Amino acid sequence: MSKRKDYYKVLGVDISASTRDIKKAYKDLARQYHPDKVHSSKEKAENEDKFREIAEAYEVLNDDEKRGAYDRGEDLDQQGGGGGWGHPGQHFQQQQGGFQYTFHFG
């Protein structure tokens, strides 16, 4: 079974969603799952994981080139999927087959 994430499902949008719809879904979910919104350690860790997943989905679906490759089923890791991607407030690094996120809040 594939370990590939369904980024459309992560953001709660349809495959035909516009860039505007994707951005709105991302902002709403990022606000909802922002780690600074909770106080307990367990909830904070859960929100951090969900927040990372939301950011990863947005990074792919908000970029026409990456979204096209994703929709075609191409392996984004093999294309240097982590290098150079960025969004204000976060830093991505390619790590042996996955992503490492470092968020800078504030």
PDB file of N, CA and C in Angstrom:
ATOM      1  N   MET A   1       0.845  -1.184   0.000  1.00  0.00           N
ATOM      2  CA  MET A   1       0.000   0.000   0.000  1.00  0.00           C
ATOM      3  C   MET A   1       0.887   1.243   0.000  1.00  0.00           C
ATOM      4  N   SER A   2       0.492   2.228  -0.720  1.00  0.00           N
ATOM      5  CA  SER A   2       1.267   3.456  -0.845  1.00  0.00           C
ATOM      6  C   SER A   2       1.208   4.285   0.438  1.00  0.00           C
ATOM      7  N   LYS A   3       2.347   4.894   0.761  1.00  0.00           N
ATOM      8  CA  LYS A   3       2.405   5.769   1.924  1.00  0.00           C
ATOM      9  C   LYS A   3       2.132   7.215   1.523  1.00  0.00           C
ATOM     10  N   ARG A   4       1.803   7.439   0.273  1.00  0.00           N
ATOM     11  CA  ARG A   4       1.560   8.775  -0.264  1.00  0.00           C
ATOM     12  C   ARG A   4       0.349   9.405   0.419  1.00  0.00           C
ATOM     13  N   LYS A   5       0.516  10.616   0.873  1.00  0.00           N
ATOM     14  CA  LYS A   5      -0.566  11.335   1.537  1.00  0.00           C
ATOM     15  C   LYS A   5      -1.499  11.933   0.498  1.00  0.00           C
ATOM     16  N   ASP A   6      -2.772  11.981   0.844  1.00  0.00           N
ATOM     17  CA  ASP A   6      -3.762  12.636  -0.003  1.00  0.00           C
ATOM     18  C   ASP A   6      -3.854  14.090   0.443  1.00  0.00           C
ATOM     19  N   TYR A   7      -3.090  14.942  -0.235  1.00  0.00           N
ATOM     20  CA  TYR A   7      -3.023  16.344   0.152  1.00  0.00           C
ATOM     21  C   TYR A   7      -4.365  17.058   0.004  1.00  0.00           C
ATOM     22  N   TYR A   8      -5.172  16.632  -0.944  1.00  0.00           N
ATOM     23  CA  TYR A   8      -6.500  17.235  -1.095  1.00  0.00           C
ATOM     24  C   TYR A   8      -7.365  16.928   0.130  1.00  0.00           C
ATOM     25  N   LYS A   9      -7.263  15.698   0.603  1.00  0.00           N
ATOM     26  CA  LYS A   9      -8.018  15.305   1.792  1.00  0.00           C
ATOM     27  C   LYS A   9      -7.497  16.041   3.029  1.00  0.00           C
ATOM     28  N   VAL A  10      -6.171  16.193   3.122  1.00  0.00           N
ATOM     29  CA  VAL A  10      -5.577  16.902   4.262  1.00  0.00           C
ATOM     30  C   VAL A  10      -6.165  18.306   4.381  1.00  0.00           C
ATOM     31  N   LEU A  11      -6.296  18.993   3.233  1.00  0.00           N
ATOM     32  CA  LEU A  11      -6.827  20.358   3.242  1.00  0.00           C
ATOM     33  C   LEU A  11      -8.346  20.407   3.133  1.00  0.00           C
ATOM     34  N   GLY A  12      -8.972  19.256   2.876  1.00  0.00           N
ATOM     35  CA  GLY A  12     -10.427  19.218   2.777  1.00  0.00           C
ATOM     36  C   GLY A  12     -10.958  19.896   1.530  1.00  0.00           C
ATOM     37  N   VAL A  13     -10.211  19.786   0.432  1.00  0.00           N
ATOM     38  CA  VAL A  13     -10.638  20.394  -0.829  1.00  0.00           C
ATOM     39  C   VAL A  13     -10.741  19.329  -1.907  1.00  0.00           C
ATOM     40  N   ASP A  14     -11.478  19.646  -2.959  1.00  0.00           N
ATOM     41  CA  ASP A  14     -11.643  18.758  -4.099  1.00  0.00           C
ATOM     42  C   ASP A  14     -10.447  18.879  -5.028  1.00  0.00           C
ATOM     43  N   ILE A  15     -10.210  17.862  -5.829  1.00  0.00           N
ATOM     44  CA  ILE A  15      -9.085  17.873  -6.762  1.00  0.00           C
ATOM     45  C   ILE A  15      -9.197  19.033  -7.757  1.00  0.00           C
ATOM     46  N   SER A  16     -10.399  19.513  -8.000  1.00  0.00           N
ATOM     47  CA  SER A  16     -10.593  20.633  -8.926  1.00  0.00           C
ATOM     48  C   SER A  16     -10.565  21.990  -8.219  1.00  0.00           C
ATOM     49  N   ALA A  17     -10.181  22.014  -6.961  1.00  0.00           N
ATOM     50  CA  ALA A  17     -10.166  23.258  -6.184  1.00  0.00           C
ATOM     51  C   ALA A  17      -9.234  24.294  -6.810  1.00  0.00           C
ATOM     52  N   SER A  18      -9.657  25.534  -6.747  1.00  0.00           N
ATOM     53  CA  SER A  18      -8.837  26.634  -7.261  1.00  0.00           C
ATOM     54  C   SER A  18      -7.735  26.961  -6.258  1.00  0.00           C
ATOM     55  N   THR A  19      -6.754  27.702  -6.731  1.00  0.00           N
ATOM     56  CA  THR A  19      -5.678  28.148  -5.849  1.00  0.00           C
ATOM     57  C   THR A  19      -6.245  28.952  -4.685  1.00  0.00           C
ATOM     58  N   ARG A  20      -7.250  29.731  -4.970  1.00  0.00           N
ATOM     59  CA  ARG A  20      -7.903  30.545  -3.931  1.00  0.00           C
ATOM     60  C   ARG A  20      -8.548  29.652  -2.862  1.00  0.00           C
ATOM     61  N   ASP A  21      -9.247  28.592  -3.310  1.00  0.00           N
ATOM     62  CA  ASP A  21      -9.881  27.663  -2.367  1.00  0.00           C
ATOM     63  C   ASP A  21      -8.837  26.945  -1.511  1.00  0.00           C
ATOM     64  N   ILE A  22      -7.728  26.573  -2.135  1.00  0.00           N
ATOM     65  CA  ILE A  22      -6.644  25.895  -1.421  1.00  0.00           C
ATOM     66  C   ILE A  22      -6.049  26.813  -0.360  1.00  0.00           C
ATOM     67  N   LYS A  23      -5.829  28.059  -0.731  1.00  0.00           N
ATOM     68  CA  LYS A  23      -5.263  29.023   0.213  1.00  0.00           C
ATOM     69  C   LYS A  23      -6.208  29.263   1.383  1.00  0.00           C
ATOM     70  N   LYS A  24      -7.489  29.390   1.110  1.00  0.00           N
ATOM     71  CA  LYS A  24      -8.467  29.611   2.173  1.00  0.00           C
ATOM     72  C   LYS A  24      -8.511  28.413   3.120  1.00  0.00           C
ATOM     73  N   ALA A  25      -8.536  27.207   2.552  1.00  0.00           N
ATOM     74  CA  ALA A  25      -8.564  25.993   3.376  1.00  0.00           C
ATOM     75  C   ALA A  25      -7.312  25.920   4.246  1.00  0.00           C
ATOM     76  N   TYR A  26      -6.160  26.232   3.649  1.00  0.00           N
ATOM     77  CA  TYR A  26      -4.900  26.220   4.392  1.00  0.00           C
ATOM     78  C   TYR A  26      -4.950  27.203   5.564  1.00  0.00           C
ATOM     79  N   LYS A  27      -5.365  28.421   5.292  1.00  0.00           N
ATOM     80  CA  LYS A  27      -5.402  29.437   6.358  1.00  0.00           C
ATOM     81  C   LYS A  27      -6.346  29.036   7.480  1.00  0.00           C
ATOM     82  N   ASP A  28      -7.524  28.525   7.122  1.00  0.00           N
ATOM     83  CA  ASP A  28      -8.492  28.111   8.144  1.00  0.00           C
ATOM     84  C   ASP A  28      -7.933  26.978   9.006  1.00  0.00           C
ATOM     85  N   LEU A  29      -7.344  25.973   8.363  1.00  0.00           N
ATOM     86  CA  LEU A  29      -6.798  24.835   9.107  1.00  0.00           C
ATOM     87  C   LEU A  29      -5.560  25.221   9.907  1.00  0.00           C
ATOM     88  N   ALA A  30      -4.716  26.074   9.336  1.00  0.00           N
ATOM     89  CA  ALA A  30      -3.516  26.516  10.052  1.00  0.00           C
ATOM     90  C   ALA A  30      -3.904  27.270  11.318  1.00  0.00           C
ATOM     91  N   ARG A  31      -4.932  28.076  11.229  1.00  0.00           N
ATOM     92  CA  ARG A  31      -5.418  28.793  12.413  1.00  0.00           C
ATOM     93  C   ARG A  31      -5.971  27.815  13.441  1.00  0.00           C
ATOM     94  N   GLN A  32      -6.740  26.839  12.964  1.00  0.00           N
ATOM     95  CA  GLN A  32      -7.373  25.866  13.854  1.00  0.00           C
ATOM     96  C   GLN A  32      -6.352  24.984  14.564  1.00  0.00           C
ATOM     97  N   TYR A  33      -5.311  24.568  13.862  1.00  0.00           N
ATOM     98  CA  TYR A  33      -4.351  23.621  14.415  1.00  0.00           C
ATOM     99  C   TYR A  33      -3.027  24.247  14.825  1.00  0.00           C
ATOM    100  N   HIS A  34      -2.965  25.554  14.905  1.00  0.00           N
ATOM    101  CA  HIS A  34      -1.715  26.211  15.278  1.00  0.00           C
ATOM    102  C   HIS A  34      -1.313  25.744  16.681  1.00  0.00           C
ATOM    103  N   PRO A  35      -0.077  25.290  16.846  1.00  0.00           N
ATOM    104  CA  PRO A  35       0.368  24.746  18.140  1.00  0.00           C
ATOM    105  C   PRO A  35       0.263  25.738  19.303  1.00  0.00           C
ATOM    106  N   ASP A  36       0.315  27.003  19.019  1.00  0.00           N
ATOM    107  CA  ASP A  36       0.227  27.990  20.092  1.00  0.00           C
ATOM    108  C   ASP A  36      -1.200  28.191  20.603  1.00  0.00           C
ATOM    109  N   LYS A  37      -2.165  27.537  19.982  1.00  0.00           N
ATOM    110  CA  LYS A  37      -3.572  27.672  20.390  1.00  0.00           C
ATOM    111  C   LYS A  37      -3.922  26.778  21.574  1.00  0.00           C
ATOM    112  N   VAL A  38      -3.057  25.827  21.909  1.00  0.00           N
ATOM    113  CA  VAL A  38      -3.345  24.896  22.998  1.00  0.00           C
ATOM    114  C   VAL A  38      -2.258  25.004  24.071  1.00  0.00           C
ATOM    115  N   HIS A  39      -2.597  24.501  25.252  1.00  0.00           N
ATOM    116  CA  HIS A  39      -1.670  24.645  26.373  1.00  0.00           C
ATOM    117  C   HIS A  39      -1.093  23.324  26.874  1.00  0.00           C
ATOM    118  N   SER A  40      -1.807  22.218  26.686  1.00  0.00           N
ATOM    119  CA  SER A  40      -1.274  20.955  27.181  1.00  0.00           C
ATOM    120  C   SER A  40      -0.220  20.413  26.217  1.00  0.00           C
ATOM    121  N   SER A  41       0.755  19.722  26.755  1.00  0.00           N
ATOM    122  CA  SER A  41       1.853  19.176  25.945  1.00  0.00           C
ATOM    123  C   SER A  41       1.355  18.179  24.911  1.00  0.00           C
ATOM    124  N   LYS A  42       0.417  17.329  25.297  1.00  0.00           N
ATOM    125  CA  LYS A  42      -0.107  16.316  24.383  1.00  0.00           C
ATOM    126  C   LYS A  42      -0.835  16.980  23.214  1.00  0.00           C
ATOM    127  N   GLU A  43      -1.708  17.920  23.513  1.00  0.00           N
ATOM    128  CA  GLU A  43      -2.447  18.617  22.448  1.00  0.00           C
ATOM    129  C   GLU A  43      -1.510  19.423  21.563  1.00  0.00           C
ATOM    130  N   LYS A  44      -0.501  20.024  22.174  1.00  0.00           N
ATOM    131  CA  LYS A  44       0.458  20.816  21.412  1.00  0.00           C
ATOM    132  C   LYS A  44       1.205  19.929  20.410  1.00  0.00           C
ATOM    133  N   ALA A  45       1.635  18.745  20.863  1.00  0.00           N
ATOM    134  CA  ALA A  45       2.341  17.811  19.977  1.00  0.00           C
ATOM    135  C   ALA A  45       1.436  17.346  18.840  1.00  0.00           C
ATOM    136  N   GLU A  46       0.177  17.043  19.159  1.00  0.00           N
ATOM    137  CA  GLU A  46      -0.779  16.625  18.125  1.00  0.00           C
ATOM    138  C   GLU A  46      -1.007  17.745  17.116  1.00  0.00           C
ATOM    139  N   ASN A  47      -1.161  18.974  17.605  1.00  0.00           N
ATOM    140  CA  ASN A  47      -1.373  20.105  16.714  1.00  0.00           C
ATOM    141  C   ASN A  47      -0.141  20.384  15.860  1.00  0.00           C
ATOM    142  N   GLU A  48       1.042  20.201  16.417  1.00  0.00           N
ATOM    143  CA  GLU A  48       2.271  20.408  15.639  1.00  0.00           C
ATOM    144  C   GLU A  48       2.337  19.434  14.476  1.00  0.00           C
ATOM    145  N   ASP A  49       1.984  18.171  14.728  1.00  0.00           N
ATOM    146  CA  ASP A  49       1.988  17.167  13.663  1.00  0.00           C
ATOM    147  C   ASP A  49       0.971  17.518  12.578  1.00  0.00           C
ATOM    148  N   LYS A  50      -0.218  17.878  12.994  1.00  0.00           N
ATOM    149  CA  LYS A  50      -1.273  18.233  12.032  1.00  0.00           C
ATOM    150  C   LYS A  50      -0.885  19.501  11.268  1.00  0.00           C
ATOM    151  N   PHE A  51      -0.307  20.468  11.963  1.00  0.00           N
ATOM    152  CA  PHE A  51       0.106  21.727  11.345  1.00  0.00           C
ATOM    153  C   PHE A  51       1.169  21.472  10.278  1.00  0.00           C
ATOM    154  N   ARG A  52       2.103  20.595  10.561  1.00  0.00           N
ATOM    155  CA  ARG A  52       3.142  20.228   9.577  1.00  0.00           C
ATOM    156  C   ARG A  52       2.520  19.582   8.345  1.00  0.00           C
ATOM    157  N   GLU A  53       1.576  18.688   8.587  1.00  0.00           N
ATOM    158  CA  GLU A  53       0.903  18.000   7.487  1.00  0.00           C
ATOM    159  C   GLU A  53       0.137  18.993   6.610  1.00  0.00           C
ATOM    160  N   ILE A  54      -0.527  19.940   7.235  1.00  0.00           N
ATOM    161  CA  ILE A  54      -1.274  20.975   6.507  1.00  0.00           C
ATOM    162  C   ILE A  54      -0.315  21.829   5.686  1.00  0.00           C
ATOM    163  N   ALA A  55       0.805  22.224   6.275  1.00  0.00           N
ATOM    164  CA  ALA A  55       1.796  23.046   5.570  1.00  0.00           C
ATOM    165  C   ALA A  55       2.393  22.284   4.388  1.00  0.00           C
ATOM    166  N   GLU A  56       2.658  21.002   4.569  1.00  0.00           N
ATOM    167  CA  GLU A  56       3.212  20.180   3.496  1.00  0.00           C
ATOM    168  C   GLU A  56       2.227  20.107   2.329  1.00  0.00           C
ATOM    169  N   ALA A  57       0.958  19.874   2.638  1.00  0.00           N
ATOM    170  CA  ALA A  57      -0.073  19.799   1.594  1.00  0.00           C
ATOM    171  C   ALA A  57      -0.187  21.131   0.855  1.00  0.00           C
ATOM    172  N   TYR A  58      -0.172  22.213   1.591  1.00  0.00           N
ATOM    173  CA  TYR A  58      -0.284  23.537   0.979  1.00  0.00           C
ATOM    174  C   TYR A  58       0.905  23.835   0.073  1.00  0.00           C
ATOM    175  N   GLU A  59       2.088  23.465   0.504  1.00  0.00           N
ATOM    176  CA  GLU A  59       3.293  23.717  -0.300  1.00  0.00           C
ATOM    177  C   GLU A  59       3.213  23.038  -1.657  1.00  0.00           C
ATOM    178  N   VAL A  60       2.616  21.870  -1.708  1.00  0.00           N
ATOM    179  CA  VAL A  60       2.494  21.147  -2.973  1.00  0.00           C
ATOM    180  C   VAL A  60       1.329  21.685  -3.795  1.00  0.00           C
ATOM    181  N   LEU A  61       0.169  21.804  -3.183  1.00  0.00           N
ATOM    182  CA  LEU A  61      -1.028  22.155  -3.944  1.00  0.00           C
ATOM    183  C   LEU A  61      -1.094  23.624  -4.335  1.00  0.00           C
ATOM    184  N   ASN A  62      -0.367  24.477  -3.671  1.00  0.00           N
ATOM    185  CA  ASN A  62      -0.391  25.900  -3.997  1.00  0.00           C
ATOM    186  C   ASN A  62       0.583  26.262  -5.119  1.00  0.00           C
ATOM    187  N   ASP A  63       1.444  25.343  -5.498  1.00  0.00           N
ATOM    188  CA  ASP A  63       2.421  25.580  -6.560  1.00  0.00           C
ATOM    189  C   ASP A  63       1.997  24.773  -7.790  1.00  0.00           C
ATOM    190  N   ASP A  64       1.742  25.450  -8.912  1.00  0.00           N
ATOM    191  CA  ASP A  64       1.232  24.769 -10.103  1.00  0.00           C
ATOM    192  C   ASP A  64       2.127  23.631 -10.566  1.00  0.00           C
ATOM    193  N   GLU A  65       3.437  23.842 -10.550  1.00  0.00           N
ATOM    194  CA  GLU A  65       4.368  22.810 -11.015  1.00  0.00           C
ATOM    195  C   GLU A  65       4.352  21.588 -10.091  1.00  0.00           C
ATOM    196  N   LYS A  66       4.430  21.830  -8.782  1.00  0.00           N
ATOM    197  CA  LYS A  66       4.427  20.727  -7.818  1.00  0.00           C
ATOM    198  C   LYS A  66       3.070  20.014  -7.805  1.00  0.00           C
ATOM    199  N   ARG A  67       2.003  20.796  -7.928  1.00  0.00           N
ATOM    200  CA  ARG A  67       0.665  20.206  -7.944  1.00  0.00           C
ATOM    201  C   ARG A  67       0.492  19.305  -9.174  1.00  0.00           C
ATOM    202  N   GLY A  68       0.969  19.772 -10.321  1.00  0.00           N
ATOM    203  CA  GLY A  68       0.885  18.966 -11.532  1.00  0.00           C
ATOM    204  C   GLY A  68       1.640  17.653 -11.387  1.00  0.00           C
ATOM    205  N   ALA A  69       2.843  17.735 -10.830  1.00  0.00           N
ATOM    206  CA  ALA A  69       3.641  16.527 -10.613  1.00  0.00           C
ATOM    207  C   ALA A  69       2.937  15.596  -9.631  1.00  0.00           C
ATOM    208  N   TYR A  70       2.379  16.149  -8.582  1.00  0.00           N
ATOM    209  CA  TYR A  70       1.643  15.352  -7.587  1.00  0.00           C
ATOM    210  C   TYR A  70       0.442  14.678  -8.241  1.00  0.00           C
ATOM    211  N   ASP A  71      -0.323  15.438  -9.029  1.00  0.00           N
ATOM    212  CA  ASP A  71      -1.511  14.891  -9.687  1.00  0.00           C
ATOM    213  C   ASP A  71      -1.163  13.792 -10.694  1.00  0.00           C
ATOM    214  N   ARG A  72       0.020  13.882 -11.284  1.00  0.00           N
ATOM    215  CA  ARG A  72       0.467  12.847 -12.225  1.00  0.00           C
ATOM    216  C   ARG A  72       1.039  11.625 -11.507  1.00  0.00           C
ATOM    217  N   GLY A  73       1.129  11.702 -10.184  1.00  0.00           N
ATOM    218  CA  GLY A  73       1.633  10.571  -9.404  1.00  0.00           C
ATOM    219  C   GLY A  73       3.139  10.507  -9.321  1.00  0.00           C
ATOM    220  N   GLU A  74       3.810  11.589  -9.695  1.00  0.00           N
ATOM    221  CA  GLU A  74       5.270  11.610  -9.640  1.00  0.00           C
ATOM    222  C   GLU A  74       5.744  11.683  -8.198  1.00  0.00           C
ATOM    223  N   ASP A  75       6.909  11.112  -7.945  1.00  0.00           N
ATOM    224  CA  ASP A  75       7.503  11.117  -6.614  1.00  0.00           C
ATOM    225  C   ASP A  75       8.182  12.459  -6.384  1.00  0.00           C
ATOM    226  N   LEU A  76       7.607  13.279  -5.538  1.00  0.00           N
ATOM    227  CA  LEU A  76       8.145  14.620  -5.299  1.00  0.00           C
ATOM    228  C   LEU A  76       9.489  14.587  -4.594  1.00  0.00           C
ATOM    229  N   ASP A  77       9.750  13.543  -3.796  1.00  0.00           N
ATOM    230  CA  ASP A  77      11.044  13.416  -3.123  1.00  0.00           C
ATOM    231  C   ASP A  77      12.161  13.224  -4.135  1.00  0.00           C
ATOM    232  N   GLN A  78      11.890  12.486  -5.196  1.00  0.00           N
ATOM    233  CA  GLN A  78      12.903  12.223  -6.210  1.00  0.00           C
ATOM    234  C   GLN A  78      13.215  13.452  -7.048  1.00  0.00           C
ATOM    235  N   GLN A  79      12.353  14.442  -6.986  1.00  0.00           N
ATOM    236  CA  GLN A  79      12.556  15.669  -7.747  1.00  0.00           C
ATOM    237  C   GLN A  79      13.168  16.758  -6.885  1.00  0.00           C
ATOM    238  N   GLY A  80      13.720  16.383  -5.762  1.00  0.00           N
ATOM    239  CA  GLY A  80      14.248  17.403  -4.854  1.00  0.00           C
ATOM    240  C   GLY A  80      13.121  18.115  -4.156  1.00  0.00           C
ATOM    241  N   GLY A  81      12.071  17.379  -3.823  1.00  0.00           N
ATOM    242  CA  GLY A  81      10.841  17.932  -3.287  1.00  0.00           C
ATOM    243  C   GLY A  81      10.987  18.857  -2.112  1.00  0.00           C
ATOM    244  N   GLY A  82      12.007  18.732  -1.306  1.00  0.00           N
ATOM    245  CA  GLY A  82      12.092  19.605  -0.145  1.00  0.00           C
ATOM    246  C   GLY A  82      12.968  20.804  -0.367  1.00  0.00           C
ATOM    247  N   GLY A  83      13.934  20.692  -1.235  1.00  0.00           N
ATOM    248  CA  GLY A  83      14.885  21.773  -1.403  1.00  0.00           C
ATOM    249  C   GLY A  83      14.292  22.974  -2.083  1.00  0.00           C
ATOM    250  N   GLY A  84      14.415  24.107  -1.462  1.00  0.00           N
ATOM    251  CA  GLY A  84      13.978  25.343  -2.067  1.00  0.00           C
ATOM    252  C   GLY A  84      12.519  25.678  -1.857  1.00  0.00           C
ATOM    253  N   TRP A  85      11.730  24.744  -1.361  1.00  0.00           N
ATOM    254  CA  TRP A  85      10.341  25.078  -1.105  1.00  0.00           C
ATOM    255  C   TRP A  85      10.333  25.975   0.105  1.00  0.00           C
ATOM    256  N   GLY A  86       9.475  26.897   0.121  1.00  0.00           N
ATOM    257  CA  GLY A  86       9.432  27.736   1.300  1.00  0.00           C
ATOM    258  C   GLY A  86       8.150  28.508   1.399  1.00  0.00           C
ATOM    259  N   HIS A  87       7.875  28.902   2.576  1.00  0.00           N
ATOM    260  CA  HIS A  87       6.709  29.696   2.893  1.00  0.00           C
ATOM    261  C   HIS A  87       7.153  30.587   4.034  1.00  0.00           C
ATOM    262  N   PRO A  88       6.755  31.821   4.045  1.00  0.00           N
ATOM    263  CA  PRO A  88       7.213  32.696   5.134  1.00  0.00           C
ATOM    264  C   PRO A  88       6.977  32.058   6.497  1.00  0.00           C
ATOM    265  N   GLY A  89       8.027  32.013   7.291  1.00  0.00           N
ATOM    266  CA  GLY A  89       7.912  31.487   8.641  1.00  0.00           C
ATOM    267  C   GLY A  89       8.269  30.021   8.782  1.00  0.00           C
ATOM    268  N   GLN A  90       8.678  29.386   7.708  1.00  0.00           N
ATOM    269  CA  GLN A  90       9.071  27.998   7.842  1.00  0.00           C
ATOM    270  C   GLN A  90      10.257  27.695   6.950  1.00  0.00           C
ATOM    271  N   HIS A  91      10.987  26.656   7.315  1.00  0.00           N
ATOM    272  CA  HIS A  91      12.197  26.274   6.601  1.00  0.00           C
ATOM    273  C   HIS A  91      12.116  24.787   6.328  1.00  0.00           C
ATOM    274  N   PHE A  92      12.389  24.373   5.111  1.00  0.00           N
ATOM    275  CA  PHE A  92      12.314  22.974   4.741  1.00  0.00           C
ATOM    276  C   PHE A  92      13.705  22.454   4.439  1.00  0.00           C
ATOM    277  N   GLN A  93      13.956  21.212   4.811  1.00  0.00           N
ATOM    278  CA  GLN A  93      15.201  20.552   4.474  1.00  0.00           C
ATOM    279  C   GLN A  93      14.880  19.141   4.007  1.00  0.00           C
ATOM    280  N   GLN A  94      15.573  18.695   2.978  1.00  0.00           N
ATOM    281  CA  GLN A  94      15.402  17.315   2.521  1.00  0.00           C
ATOM    282  C   GLN A  94      16.108  16.397   3.516  1.00  0.00           C
ATOM    283  N   GLN A  95      15.426  15.373   3.976  1.00  0.00           N
ATOM    284  CA  GLN A  95      15.975  14.415   4.930  1.00  0.00           C
ATOM    285  C   GLN A  95      15.683  13.019   4.437  1.00  0.00           C
ATOM    286  N   GLN A  96      16.613  12.241   4.082  1.00  0.00           N
ATOM    287  CA  GLN A  96      16.499  10.839   3.687  1.00  0.00           C
ATOM    288  C   GLN A  96      15.055  10.397   3.441  1.00  0.00           C
ATOM    289  N   GLY A  97      14.510  10.816   2.319  1.00  0.00           N
ATOM    290  CA  GLY A  97      13.189  10.358   1.924  1.00  0.00           C
ATOM    291  C   GLY A  97      12.035  11.084   2.579  1.00  0.00           C
ATOM    292  N   GLY A  98      12.260  12.176   3.250  1.00  0.00           N
ATOM    293  CA  GLY A  98      11.154  12.893   3.862  1.00  0.00           C
ATOM    294  C   GLY A  98      11.489  14.349   4.069  1.00  0.00           C
ATOM    295  N   PHE A  99      10.658  15.003   4.811  1.00  0.00           N
ATOM    296  CA  PHE A  99      10.839  16.417   5.081  1.00  0.00           C
ATOM    297  C   PHE A  99      11.126  16.638   6.553  1.00  0.00           C
ATOM    298  N   GLN A 100      11.883  17.654   6.825  1.00  0.00           N
ATOM    299  CA  GLN A 100      12.057  18.112   8.191  1.00  0.00           C
ATOM    300  C   GLN A 100      11.604  19.559   8.183  1.00  0.00           C
ATOM    301  N   TYR A 101      10.705  19.895   9.060  1.00  0.00           N
ATOM    302  CA  TYR A 101      10.163  21.246   9.127  1.00  0.00           C
ATOM    303  C   TYR A 101      10.683  21.945  10.356  1.00  0.00           C
ATOM    304  N   THR A 102      11.078  23.162  10.187  1.00  0.00           N
ATOM    305  CA  THR A 102      11.423  24.014  11.313  1.00  0.00           C
ATOM    306  C   THR A 102      10.590  25.269  11.177  1.00  0.00           C
ATOM    307  N   PHE A 103       9.665  25.467  12.088  1.00  0.00           N
ATOM    308  CA  PHE A 103       8.779  26.611  12.035  1.00  0.00           C
ATOM    309  C   PHE A 103       9.308  27.704  12.957  1.00  0.00           C
ATOM    310  N   HIS A 104       9.206  28.909  12.503  1.00  0.00           N
ATOM    311  CA  HIS A 104       9.614  30.060  13.295  1.00  0.00           C
ATOM    312  C   HIS A 104       8.381  30.909  13.530  1.00  0.00           C
ATOM    313  N   PHE A 105       7.829  30.818  14.742  1.00  0.00           N
ATOM    314  CA  PHE A 105       6.611  31.547  15.062  1.00  0.00           C
ATOM    315  C   PHE A 105       6.972  32.861  15.729  1.00  0.00           C
ATOM    316  N   GLY A 106       6.152  33.842  15.448  1.00  0.00           N
ATOM    317  CA  GLY A 106       6.306  35.086  16.187  1.00  0.00           C
ATOM    318  C   GLY A 106       6.797  36.195  15.432  1.00  0.00           C
TER     319      GLY A 106
END
